[in-house]
Amino acid sequence: MTKPIPLASLQSKLCKIWGTKPATTKLILSRVEDWTSESFNEDVYVDIRAYGKPERTREFVLDGMKQVQGAFKDHDLIANVRLETYEGERYFHVPPPIPDN
């Protein structure tokens, strides 16, 4: 794909959609070949992982996903959006160590 993907602008829009801050809304761009047999007319595959809060009902999440598609469409990008929620007790993260000064 040769279309530009304006990550800073999209991050701002996604923060507004989900009510999050940039520090917790990380966008990662990976350009890869799709070798699956499923083929959609998409420019980008958006994979979202979010903390499963009670207020994030199915309806709320599906509406947010449609808004995410709209944010990408504003930049002439067709988005295939997937979202997975997790429970805090089952979330693990090991960041890189802080270098000694």
C-alpha atoms as a PDB file:
ATOM      1  CA  MET A   1       0.000   0.000   0.000  1.00  0.00           C
ATOM      2  CA  THR A   2       1.316   3.406  -0.882  1.00  0.00           C
ATOM      3  CA  LYS A   3      -1.219   5.630   0.881  1.00  0.00           C
ATOM      4  CA  PRO A   4       0.193   7.690   3.757  1.00  0.00           C
ATOM      5  CA  ILE A   5      -0.995   6.763   7.249  1.00  0.00           C
ATOM      6  CA  PRO A   6      -0.981   9.856   9.506  1.00  0.00           C
ATOM      7  CA  LEU A   7      -0.355   8.196  12.867  1.00  0.00           C
ATOM      8  CA  ALA A   8      -0.317  11.382  15.004  1.00  0.00           C
ATOM      9  CA  SER A   9      -3.685  12.538  13.661  1.00  0.00           C
ATOM     10  CA  LEU A  10      -5.202   9.070  14.008  1.00  0.00           C
ATOM     11  CA  GLN A  11      -3.894   8.688  17.554  1.00  0.00           C
ATOM     12  CA  SER A  12      -5.580  11.958  18.519  1.00  0.00           C
ATOM     13  CA  LYS A  13      -8.875  10.791  17.005  1.00  0.00           C
ATOM     14  CA  LEU A  14      -8.679   7.392  18.692  1.00  0.00           C
ATOM     15  CA  CYS A  15      -8.012   9.041  22.069  1.00  0.00           C
ATOM     16  CA  LYS A  16     -11.183  11.109  21.620  1.00  0.00           C
ATOM     17  CA  ILE A  17     -13.233   8.064  20.583  1.00  0.00           C
ATOM     18  CA  TRP A  18     -12.164   5.912  23.549  1.00  0.00           C
ATOM     19  CA  GLY A  19     -11.593   8.676  26.124  1.00  0.00           C
ATOM     20  CA  THR A  20      -7.955   7.676  26.563  1.00  0.00           C
ATOM     21  CA  LYS A  21      -4.617   9.475  26.724  1.00  0.00           C
ATOM     22  CA  PRO A  22      -1.786   9.244  24.176  1.00  0.00           C
ATOM     23  CA  ALA A  23       0.401   7.422  26.720  1.00  0.00           C
ATOM     24  CA  THR A  24      -2.038   4.492  26.719  1.00  0.00           C
ATOM     25  CA  THR A  25      -3.088   4.671  23.059  1.00  0.00           C
ATOM     26  CA  LYS A  26      -0.147   3.289  21.134  1.00  0.00           C
ATOM     27  CA  LEU A  27      -0.273   3.040  17.358  1.00  0.00           C
ATOM     28  CA  ILE A  28       2.172   0.658  15.723  1.00  0.00           C
ATOM     29  CA  LEU A  29       2.572   0.581  11.968  1.00  0.00           C
ATOM     30  CA  SER A  30       3.769  -2.705  10.494  1.00  0.00           C
ATOM     31  CA  ARG A  31       3.794  -3.201   6.758  1.00  0.00           C
ATOM     32  CA  VAL A  32       3.293  -6.896   6.020  1.00  0.00           C
ATOM     33  CA  GLU A  33       1.986  -9.124   3.270  1.00  0.00           C
ATOM     34  CA  ASP A  34      -1.400 -10.733   3.941  1.00  0.00           C
ATOM     35  CA  TRP A  35      -1.166 -14.427   3.154  1.00  0.00           C
ATOM     36  CA  THR A  36      -4.559 -15.447   4.516  1.00  0.00           C
ATOM     37  CA  SER A  37      -7.301 -16.745   2.298  1.00  0.00           C
ATOM     38  CA  GLU A  38      -9.681 -14.093   3.682  1.00  0.00           C
ATOM     39  CA  SER A  39      -9.557 -11.025   1.567  1.00  0.00           C
ATOM     40  CA  PHE A  40     -11.258  -7.757   2.380  1.00  0.00           C
ATOM     41  CA  ASN A  41     -11.077  -4.523   0.460  1.00  0.00           C
ATOM     42  CA  GLU A  42      -8.984  -2.907   3.188  1.00  0.00           C
ATOM     43  CA  ASP A  43      -6.074  -0.505   3.349  1.00  0.00           C
ATOM     44  CA  VAL A  44      -5.302  -1.159   7.013  1.00  0.00           C
ATOM     45  CA  TYR A  45      -5.979  -3.853   9.602  1.00  0.00           C
ATOM     46  CA  VAL A  46      -6.582  -2.239  12.987  1.00  0.00           C
ATOM     47  CA  ASP A  47      -6.098  -4.557  15.973  1.00  0.00           C
ATOM     48  CA  ILE A  48      -7.165  -2.997  19.285  1.00  0.00           C
ATOM     49  CA  ARG A  49      -6.644  -4.407  22.765  1.00  0.00           C
ATOM     50  CA  ALA A  50      -8.564  -2.677  25.520  1.00  0.00           C
ATOM     51  CA  TYR A  51      -9.183  -3.124  29.211  1.00  0.00           C
ATOM     52  CA  GLY A  52     -12.618  -4.685  29.720  1.00  0.00           C
ATOM     53  CA  LYS A  53     -14.478  -2.174  31.901  1.00  0.00           C
ATOM     54  CA  PRO A  54     -18.154  -2.648  32.835  1.00  0.00           C
ATOM     55  CA  GLU A  55     -19.106   0.542  30.971  1.00  0.00           C
ATOM     56  CA  ARG A  56     -17.573  -0.851  27.784  1.00  0.00           C
ATOM     57  CA  THR A  57     -20.670  -2.752  26.800  1.00  0.00           C
ATOM     58  CA  ARG A  58     -20.956  -4.585  23.497  1.00  0.00           C
ATOM     59  CA  GLU A  59     -22.954  -1.695  22.044  1.00  0.00           C
ATOM     60  CA  PHE A  60     -20.405   0.871  23.271  1.00  0.00           C
ATOM     61  CA  VAL A  61     -17.489  -1.092  21.816  1.00  0.00           C
ATOM     62  CA  LEU A  62     -19.178  -1.728  18.448  1.00  0.00           C
ATOM     63  CA  ASP A  63     -20.057   1.968  18.169  1.00  0.00           C
ATOM     64  CA  GLY A  64     -16.457   2.901  18.984  1.00  0.00           C
ATOM     65  CA  MET A  65     -15.177   0.480  16.359  1.00  0.00           C
ATOM     66  CA  LYS A  66     -17.403   2.126  13.742  1.00  0.00           C
ATOM     67  CA  GLN A  67     -16.007   5.505  14.819  1.00  0.00           C
ATOM     68  CA  VAL A  68     -12.480   4.108  14.410  1.00  0.00           C
ATOM     69  CA  GLN A  69     -13.369   3.083  10.852  1.00  0.00           C
ATOM     70  CA  GLY A  70     -14.656   6.627  10.325  1.00  0.00           C
ATOM     71  CA  ALA A  71     -11.408   8.140  11.637  1.00  0.00           C
ATOM     72  CA  PHE A  72      -9.446   6.151   9.075  1.00  0.00           C
ATOM     73  CA  LYS A  73     -11.985   6.946   6.350  1.00  0.00           C
ATOM     74  CA  ASP A  74     -11.394  10.659   7.057  1.00  0.00           C
ATOM     75  CA  HIS A  75      -7.870   9.973   5.721  1.00  0.00           C
ATOM     76  CA  ASP A  76      -9.137   7.988   2.699  1.00  0.00           C
ATOM     77  CA  LEU A  77      -8.235   4.666   4.341  1.00  0.00           C
ATOM     78  CA  ILE A  78     -10.494   1.604   4.490  1.00  0.00           C
ATOM     79  CA  ALA A  79     -10.047  -0.027   7.900  1.00  0.00           C
ATOM     80  CA  ASN A  80     -10.781  -3.593   8.940  1.00  0.00           C
ATOM     81  CA  VAL A  81     -11.175  -3.184  12.727  1.00  0.00           C
ATOM     82  CA  ARG A  82     -10.791  -5.920  15.351  1.00  0.00           C
ATOM     83  CA  LEU A  83     -11.042  -5.305  19.102  1.00  0.00           C
ATOM     84  CA  GLU A  84     -10.264  -7.642  21.964  1.00  0.00           C
ATOM     85  CA  THR A  85     -10.852  -6.826  25.630  1.00  0.00           C
ATOM     86  CA  TYR A  86      -8.874  -8.246  28.531  1.00  0.00           C
ATOM     87  CA  GLU A  87      -9.289  -8.452  32.279  1.00  0.00           C
ATOM     88  CA  GLY A  88      -6.775  -6.611  34.422  1.00  0.00           C
ATOM     89  CA  GLU A  89      -6.026  -9.724  36.486  1.00  0.00           C
ATOM     90  CA  ARG A  90      -5.018 -11.515  33.286  1.00  0.00           C
ATOM     91  CA  TYR A  91      -2.917  -8.759  31.734  1.00  0.00           C
ATOM     92  CA  PHE A  92       0.861  -8.984  31.914  1.00  0.00           C
ATOM     93  CA  HIS A  93       3.474  -6.559  30.651  1.00  0.00           C
ATOM     94  CA  VAL A  94       7.247  -6.505  31.011  1.00  0.00           C
ATOM     95  CA  PRO A  95       8.627  -3.181  29.747  1.00  0.00           C
ATOM     96  CA  PRO A  96      12.315  -2.782  28.926  1.00  0.00           C
ATOM     97  CA  PRO A  97      14.501  -2.050  31.954  1.00  0.00           C
ATOM     98  CA  ILE A  98      15.323   1.545  32.787  1.00  0.00           C
ATOM     99  CA  PRO A  99      19.016   2.154  32.059  1.00  0.00           C
ATOM    100  CA  ASP A 100      21.290   2.986  35.002  1.00  0.00           C
ATOM    101  CA  ASN A 101      22.764   6.453  34.874  1.00  0.00           C
END
